[in-house]
C-alpha atoms as a PDB file:
ATOM      1  CA  MET A   1     -46.008  86.689 -70.732  1.00  0.00           C
ATOM      2  CA  ILE A   2     -49.323  85.036 -71.610  1.00  0.00           C
ATOM      3  CA  ASN A   3     -47.494  82.308 -73.543  1.00  0.00           C
ATOM      4  CA  LEU A   4     -45.496  81.486 -70.435  1.00  0.00           C
ATOM      5  CA  LEU A   5     -48.678  81.223 -68.376  1.00  0.00           C
ATOM      6  CA  LEU A   6     -50.372  78.970 -70.929  1.00  0.00           C
ATOM      7  CA  LEU A   7     -47.337  76.700 -71.382  1.00  0.00           C
ATOM      8  CA  PRO A   8     -48.416  74.066 -68.781  1.00  0.00           C
ATOM      9  CA  PHE A   9     -51.830  73.770 -70.421  1.00  0.00           C
ATOM     10  CA  ARG A  10     -50.270  73.405 -73.867  1.00  0.00           C
ATOM     11  CA  ILE A  11     -47.926  70.703 -72.581  1.00  0.00           C
ATOM     12  CA  LEU A  12     -50.810  68.868 -70.909  1.00  0.00           C
ATOM     13  CA  TRP A  13     -52.912  69.113 -74.069  1.00  0.00           C
ATOM     14  CA  GLY A  14     -49.960  67.840 -76.120  1.00  0.00           C
ATOM     15  CA  ILE A  15     -49.617  64.816 -73.841  1.00  0.00           C
ATOM     16  CA  ILE A  16     -53.336  64.146 -74.107  1.00  0.00           C
ATOM     17  CA  CYS A  17     -53.168  64.382 -77.912  1.00  0.00           C
ATOM     18  CA  PHE A  18     -50.231  61.968 -77.970  1.00  0.00           C
ATOM     19  CA  ILE A  19     -52.099  59.442 -75.795  1.00  0.00           C
ATOM     20  CA  PHE A  20     -55.241  59.896 -77.865  1.00  0.00           C
ATOM     21  CA  ASN A  21     -53.442  59.233 -81.142  1.00  0.00           C
ATOM     22  CA  LEU A  22     -51.987  56.042 -79.712  1.00  0.00           C
ATOM     23  CA  THR A  23     -55.120  54.603 -78.190  1.00  0.00           C
ATOM     24  CA  GLY A  24     -58.063  55.790 -80.227  1.00  0.00           C
ATOM     25  CA  ILE A  25     -61.484  57.032 -79.256  1.00  0.00           C
ATOM     26  CA  LEU A  26     -62.867  54.110 -77.260  1.00  0.00           C
ATOM     27  CA  LEU A  27     -59.666  53.402 -75.411  1.00  0.00           C
ATOM     28  CA  GLY A  28     -59.316  57.112 -74.694  1.00  0.00           C
ATOM     29  CA  ILE A  29     -62.733  57.128 -73.031  1.00  0.00           C
ATOM     30  CA  ALA A  30     -61.928  53.949 -71.089  1.00  0.00           C
ATOM     31  CA  LEU A  31     -58.587  55.345 -69.940  1.00  0.00           C
ATOM     32  CA  GLY A  32     -60.295  58.572 -68.878  1.00  0.00           C
ATOM     33  CA  ILE A  33     -62.830  56.661 -66.779  1.00  0.00           C
ATOM     34  CA  VAL A  34     -60.062  54.631 -65.147  1.00  0.00           C
ATOM     35  CA  LEU A  35     -58.080  57.780 -64.328  1.00  0.00           C
ATOM     36  CA  ILE A  36     -61.168  59.398 -62.819  1.00  0.00           C
ATOM     37  CA  ALA A  37     -61.834  56.306 -60.679  1.00  0.00           C
ATOM     38  CA  ILE A  38     -58.232  56.198 -59.445  1.00  0.00           C
ATOM     39  CA  GLY A  39     -58.309  59.934 -58.794  1.00  0.00           C
ATOM     40  CA  LEU A  40     -61.518  59.633 -56.784  1.00  0.00           C
ATOM     41  CA  ALA A  41     -60.082  56.773 -54.745  1.00  0.00           C
ATOM     42  CA  LEU A  42     -56.942  58.786 -53.980  1.00  0.00           C
ATOM     43  CA  THR A  43     -58.895  61.932 -53.149  1.00  0.00           C
ATOM     44  CA  VAL A  44     -60.550  60.159 -50.215  1.00  0.00           C
ATOM     45  CA  THR A  45     -57.282  60.440 -48.327  1.00  0.00           C
ATOM     46  CA  VAL A  46     -55.895  63.894 -47.593  1.00  0.00           C
ATOM     47  CA  VAL A  47     -52.375  62.988 -48.719  1.00  0.00           C
ATOM     48  CA  GLY A  48     -53.625  61.339 -51.917  1.00  0.00           C
ATOM     49  CA  ALA A  49     -55.674  64.395 -52.878  1.00  0.00           C
ATOM     50  CA  VAL A  50     -52.498  66.039 -54.159  1.00  0.00           C
ATOM     51  CA  ILE A  51     -52.243  63.295 -56.792  1.00  0.00           C
ATOM     52  CA  GLY A  52     -55.944  62.438 -57.085  1.00  0.00           C
ATOM     53  CA  ILE A  53     -57.286  65.803 -58.214  1.00  0.00           C
ATOM     54  CA  PRO A  54     -54.882  66.137 -61.180  1.00  0.00           C
ATOM     55  CA  LEU A  55     -55.732  62.551 -62.193  1.00  0.00           C
ATOM     56  CA  ILE A  56     -59.431  63.446 -62.222  1.00  0.00           C
ATOM     57  CA  ILE A  57     -58.718  66.505 -64.373  1.00  0.00           C
ATOM     58  CA  VAL A  58     -56.592  64.533 -66.844  1.00  0.00           C
ATOM     59  CA  GLY A  59     -59.311  61.850 -67.022  1.00  0.00           C
ATOM     60  CA  LEU A  60     -61.966  64.450 -67.792  1.00  0.00           C
ATOM     61  CA  LEU A  61     -59.768  66.026 -70.453  1.00  0.00           C
ATOM     62  CA  LEU A  62     -59.223  62.629 -72.078  1.00  0.00           C
ATOM     63  CA  ILE A  63     -62.970  61.982 -72.195  1.00  0.00           C
ATOM     64  CA  ILE A  64     -63.699  65.446 -73.610  1.00  0.00           C
ATOM     65  CA  ARG A  65     -60.966  65.023 -76.197  1.00  0.00           C
ATOM     66  CA  SER A  66     -62.276  61.646 -77.292  1.00  0.00           C
ATOM     67  CA  LEU A  67     -65.882  62.853 -77.567  1.00  0.00           C
ATOM     68  CA  PHE A  68     -65.090  65.847 -79.767  1.00  0.00           C
ATOM     69  CA  LYS A  69     -62.537  64.410 -82.155  1.00  0.00           C
END
């Protein structure tokens, strides 16, 4: 049951690891900052908040991943 609940986080982390291996540390940080900026711009609108908040989270995860690798 717990594995089923953690599956989306494992998939998201796997995608982040794949992107990180392709781009490297500095590009991972730059991509994270860009995703956060786009997410913040989309969050200003109510309709865009549905897409903006996950973009901010993915951007933060990319930055955290690149800082601690």
